[in-house]
N, C-alpha and C. Protein backbone atom coordinates (compact mmCIF):
# COMPACT_ATOMS: atom_id res chain seq x y z
N MET A 1 290.07 71.25 88.34
CA MET A 1 290.03 72.26 87.29
C MET A 1 290.16 73.63 87.96
N SER A 2 291.02 74.47 87.39
CA SER A 2 291.18 75.81 87.95
C SER A 2 289.91 76.62 87.72
N GLU A 3 289.74 77.62 88.54
CA GLU A 3 288.56 78.48 88.41
C GLU A 3 288.52 79.15 87.03
N SER A 4 289.66 79.58 86.51
CA SER A 4 289.72 80.21 85.19
C SER A 4 289.39 79.23 84.08
N ALA A 5 289.76 77.98 84.27
CA ALA A 5 289.54 76.96 83.23
C ALA A 5 288.08 76.57 83.11
N LYS A 6 287.31 76.78 84.15
CA LYS A 6 285.91 76.35 84.14
C LYS A 6 285.08 77.00 83.05
N ASN A 7 285.47 78.18 82.60
CA ASN A 7 284.70 78.91 81.60
C ASN A 7 285.25 78.77 80.19
N LEU A 8 286.21 77.88 80.00
CA LEU A 8 286.87 77.75 78.71
C LEU A 8 286.51 76.43 78.03
N HIS A 9 286.61 76.42 76.71
CA HIS A 9 286.40 75.21 75.92
C HIS A 9 287.58 74.27 76.15
N LEU A 10 287.34 72.98 76.06
CA LEU A 10 288.40 71.98 76.29
C LEU A 10 289.63 72.20 75.42
N SER A 11 289.47 72.78 74.25
CA SER A 11 290.61 73.02 73.37
C SER A 11 291.57 74.06 73.93
N HIS A 12 291.12 74.81 74.95
CA HIS A 12 291.96 75.85 75.57
C HIS A 12 292.51 75.41 76.91
N LEU A 13 292.40 74.11 77.20
CA LEU A 13 292.83 73.58 78.49
C LEU A 13 294.00 72.63 78.35
N VAL A 14 294.75 72.50 79.44
CA VAL A 14 295.92 71.62 79.50
C VAL A 14 295.80 70.78 80.77
N ASP A 15 296.09 69.48 80.67
CA ASP A 15 296.19 68.64 81.87
C ASP A 15 297.59 68.81 82.44
N ASP A 16 297.66 69.11 83.73
CA ASP A 16 298.95 69.36 84.38
C ASP A 16 299.04 68.52 85.65
N HIS A 17 300.16 67.83 85.81
CA HIS A 17 300.38 67.07 87.04
C HIS A 17 300.64 68.06 88.17
N PHE A 18 299.86 67.97 89.25
CA PHE A 18 300.08 68.92 90.34
C PHE A 18 301.32 68.56 91.16
N ILE A 19 301.85 67.37 90.93
CA ILE A 19 303.19 67.00 91.40
C ILE A 19 303.90 66.48 90.15
N GLN A 20 305.00 67.11 89.80
CA GLN A 20 305.71 66.72 88.59
C GLN A 20 306.03 65.22 88.63
N ARG A 21 305.98 64.59 87.47
CA ARG A 21 306.15 63.13 87.39
C ARG A 21 307.47 62.68 88.01
N SER A 22 308.56 63.37 87.71
CA SER A 22 309.86 62.96 88.25
C SER A 22 309.88 63.05 89.77
N LYS A 23 309.26 64.07 90.32
CA LYS A 23 309.21 64.23 91.78
C LYS A 23 308.22 63.24 92.39
N ALA A 24 307.14 62.97 91.70
CA ALA A 24 306.16 61.99 92.18
C ALA A 24 306.80 60.61 92.32
N MET A 25 307.68 60.27 91.40
CA MET A 25 308.34 58.96 91.46
C MET A 25 309.14 58.81 92.75
N ARG A 26 309.78 59.88 93.19
CA ARG A 26 310.53 59.81 94.45
C ARG A 26 309.60 59.49 95.62
N PHE A 27 308.44 60.15 95.65
CA PHE A 27 307.46 59.89 96.72
C PHE A 27 306.95 58.46 96.66
N ILE A 28 306.65 57.99 95.45
CA ILE A 28 306.11 56.65 95.28
C ILE A 28 307.13 55.59 95.72
N PHE A 29 308.38 55.74 95.27
CA PHE A 29 309.39 54.76 95.64
C PHE A 29 309.69 54.81 97.14
N SER A 30 309.61 55.97 97.73
CA SER A 30 309.79 56.07 99.18
C SER A 30 308.71 55.29 99.92
N GLU A 31 307.47 55.42 99.46
CA GLU A 31 306.37 54.68 100.09
C GLU A 31 306.54 53.18 99.88
N LEU A 32 307.01 52.79 98.71
CA LEU A 32 307.26 51.37 98.45
C LEU A 32 308.38 50.83 99.35
N ASP A 33 309.41 51.64 99.57
CA ASP A 33 310.50 51.24 100.47
C ASP A 33 309.99 51.02 101.89
N ASN A 34 309.05 51.85 102.31
CA ASN A 34 308.51 51.76 103.66
C ASN A 34 307.49 50.64 103.83
N ASP A 35 306.97 50.12 102.74
CA ASP A 35 305.96 49.07 102.80
C ASP A 35 306.22 48.08 101.66
N GLU A 36 307.20 47.23 101.85
CA GLU A 36 307.63 46.31 100.80
C GLU A 36 306.53 45.31 100.39
N ASN A 37 305.59 45.05 101.27
CA ASN A 37 304.51 44.10 100.98
C ASN A 37 303.19 44.83 100.70
N MET A 38 303.29 45.98 100.11
CA MET A 38 302.11 46.81 99.84
C MET A 38 301.13 46.06 98.94
N GLU A 39 299.86 46.19 99.31
CA GLU A 39 298.81 45.58 98.50
C GLU A 39 298.53 46.44 97.28
N VAL A 40 298.01 45.82 96.25
CA VAL A 40 297.73 46.51 95.00
C VAL A 40 296.78 47.69 95.22
N LYS A 41 295.78 47.51 96.04
CA LYS A 41 294.80 48.57 96.30
C LYS A 41 295.48 49.82 96.87
N LYS A 42 296.39 49.63 97.82
CA LYS A 42 297.11 50.76 98.40
C LYS A 42 298.03 51.41 97.36
N PHE A 43 298.67 50.59 96.53
CA PHE A 43 299.54 51.12 95.48
C PHE A 43 298.75 51.99 94.51
N ILE A 44 297.56 51.56 94.14
CA ILE A 44 296.71 52.34 93.24
C ILE A 44 296.33 53.67 93.89
N GLN A 45 296.04 53.65 95.19
CA GLN A 45 295.73 54.89 95.90
C GLN A 45 296.92 55.85 95.88
N ILE A 46 298.11 55.30 96.05
CA ILE A 46 299.33 56.12 96.01
C ILE A 46 299.52 56.73 94.62
N LEU A 47 299.29 55.93 93.58
CA LEU A 47 299.41 56.45 92.22
C LEU A 47 298.44 57.61 92.00
N LYS A 48 297.20 57.45 92.45
CA LYS A 48 296.22 58.52 92.30
C LYS A 48 296.66 59.77 93.07
N LYS A 49 297.19 59.57 94.26
CA LYS A 49 297.61 60.69 95.10
C LYS A 49 298.74 61.49 94.45
N TYR A 50 299.71 60.81 93.88
CA TYR A 50 300.90 61.50 93.37
C TYR A 50 300.90 61.74 91.86
N CYS A 51 300.03 61.10 91.11
CA CYS A 51 300.10 61.19 89.65
C CYS A 51 298.87 61.82 89.01
N SER A 52 297.95 62.31 89.80
CA SER A 52 296.74 62.90 89.23
C SER A 52 297.05 64.24 88.57
N THR A 53 296.13 64.68 87.74
CA THR A 53 296.30 65.95 87.03
C THR A 53 295.13 66.88 87.32
N VAL A 54 295.36 68.14 87.02
CA VAL A 54 294.31 69.15 87.07
C VAL A 54 294.27 69.84 85.71
N LYS A 55 293.15 70.42 85.40
CA LYS A 55 293.03 71.16 84.14
C LYS A 55 293.31 72.64 84.41
N LEU A 56 294.22 73.19 83.61
CA LEU A 56 294.56 74.60 83.66
C LEU A 56 294.31 75.21 82.29
N SER A 57 294.11 76.51 82.26
CA SER A 57 294.05 77.17 80.96
C SER A 57 295.46 77.18 80.39
N LYS A 58 295.56 77.30 79.09
CA LYS A 58 296.88 77.36 78.46
C LYS A 58 297.69 78.54 78.99
N GLU A 59 297.01 79.64 79.27
CA GLU A 59 297.67 80.83 79.82
C GLU A 59 298.23 80.53 81.22
N GLU A 60 297.43 79.89 82.05
CA GLU A 60 297.90 79.52 83.38
C GLU A 60 299.08 78.56 83.30
N HIS A 61 299.00 77.60 82.39
CA HIS A 61 300.08 76.63 82.23
C HIS A 61 301.39 77.32 81.82
N SER A 62 301.29 78.33 80.99
CA SER A 62 302.49 79.09 80.60
C SER A 62 303.11 79.79 81.80
N LYS A 63 302.26 80.37 82.65
CA LYS A 63 302.76 81.03 83.87
C LYS A 63 303.42 80.02 84.79
N VAL A 64 302.79 78.87 84.95
CA VAL A 64 303.34 77.82 85.81
C VAL A 64 304.71 77.39 85.30
N THR A 65 304.85 77.25 84.01
CA THR A 65 306.13 76.83 83.42
C THR A 65 307.23 77.83 83.74
N VAL A 66 306.94 79.12 83.60
CA VAL A 66 307.94 80.16 83.87
C VAL A 66 308.34 80.15 85.34
N VAL A 67 307.36 80.12 86.23
CA VAL A 67 307.64 80.15 87.67
C VAL A 67 308.37 78.87 88.10
N ALA A 68 307.98 77.73 87.55
CA ALA A 68 308.62 76.46 87.90
C ALA A 68 310.10 76.46 87.50
N LYS A 69 310.41 77.04 86.36
CA LYS A 69 311.81 77.10 85.93
C LYS A 69 312.63 77.97 86.86
N GLN A 70 312.01 79.00 87.42
CA GLN A 70 312.70 79.90 88.34
C GLN A 70 312.79 79.32 89.76
N ASN A 71 311.96 78.33 90.05
CA ASN A 71 311.89 77.73 91.39
C ASN A 71 311.88 76.20 91.26
N PRO A 72 313.02 75.61 90.94
CA PRO A 72 313.06 74.17 90.64
C PRO A 72 312.71 73.27 91.83
N THR A 73 312.72 73.78 93.04
CA THR A 73 312.37 72.95 94.18
C THR A 73 310.86 72.92 94.44
N TYR A 74 310.12 73.80 93.81
CA TYR A 74 308.66 73.84 94.00
C TYR A 74 308.02 72.62 93.37
N LEU A 75 307.00 72.10 94.05
CA LEU A 75 306.09 71.16 93.40
C LEU A 75 305.08 72.00 92.65
N ASN A 76 304.45 71.46 91.62
CA ASN A 76 303.55 72.28 90.81
C ASN A 76 302.45 72.94 91.62
N TYR A 77 301.91 72.23 92.62
CA TYR A 77 300.84 72.86 93.41
C TYR A 77 301.35 74.08 94.16
N GLU A 78 302.63 74.11 94.52
CA GLU A 78 303.20 75.30 95.15
C GLU A 78 303.32 76.43 94.12
N THR A 79 303.61 76.05 92.90
CA THR A 79 303.67 77.03 91.82
C THR A 79 302.29 77.62 91.56
N TYR A 80 301.24 76.80 91.64
CA TYR A 80 299.88 77.33 91.47
C TYR A 80 299.61 78.42 92.50
N LEU A 81 300.04 78.19 93.74
CA LEU A 81 299.85 79.20 94.78
C LEU A 81 300.61 80.48 94.44
N ALA A 82 301.86 80.32 93.98
CA ALA A 82 302.68 81.48 93.62
C ALA A 82 302.06 82.26 92.47
N CYS A 83 301.36 81.57 91.58
CA CYS A 83 300.73 82.21 90.42
C CYS A 83 299.27 82.63 90.71
N GLU A 84 298.83 82.39 91.94
CA GLU A 84 297.46 82.72 92.37
C GLU A 84 296.41 82.00 91.53
N ILE A 85 296.70 80.75 91.21
CA ILE A 85 295.75 79.91 90.48
C ILE A 85 294.92 79.16 91.51
N GLN A 86 293.63 79.33 91.44
CA GLN A 86 292.73 78.71 92.41
C GLN A 86 292.15 77.41 91.84
N ILE A 87 292.30 76.34 92.62
CA ILE A 87 291.78 75.04 92.21
C ILE A 87 291.00 74.48 93.40
N GLU A 88 289.70 74.58 93.31
CA GLU A 88 288.84 74.13 94.40
C GLU A 88 289.00 72.62 94.60
N GLY A 89 289.20 72.21 95.84
CA GLY A 89 289.29 70.80 96.17
C GLY A 89 290.66 70.18 96.04
N LEU A 90 291.65 70.92 95.56
CA LEU A 90 292.98 70.34 95.38
C LEU A 90 293.58 69.91 96.71
N SER A 91 293.47 70.72 97.74
CA SER A 91 294.05 70.36 99.02
C SER A 91 293.37 69.12 99.59
N ASP A 92 292.07 68.97 99.38
CA ASP A 92 291.37 67.76 99.84
C ASP A 92 291.87 66.53 99.11
N LEU A 93 292.09 66.64 97.82
CA LEU A 93 292.61 65.53 97.03
C LEU A 93 293.98 65.10 97.52
N MET A 94 294.81 66.06 97.84
CA MET A 94 296.17 65.77 98.26
C MET A 94 296.23 65.17 99.66
N LEU A 95 295.26 65.47 100.51
CA LEU A 95 295.28 64.96 101.86
C LEU A 95 294.74 63.54 101.98
N ARG A 96 294.14 63.01 100.94
CA ARG A 96 293.60 61.64 100.99
C ARG A 96 294.67 60.62 101.11
């Protein structure tokens, strides 16, 4: 959850994939190609790593959308940095 979102009611929040779904699929399929006999437990970990979401305020989500359209190569978490959106623990989640 972003720092700004922490003080808002749930009705003012949006779940946002910190890696866009289409880009996450490329990462997931790449990992599957590298480990054809992957166990279900590892696959679930990969899904969590690439498909998790964070809560943003609707205002932050609007900013992210504008910046993402201008920078199509950015992953959403890079867009959060460009928009100065702070999400405590996001880097730890991504490094797992």
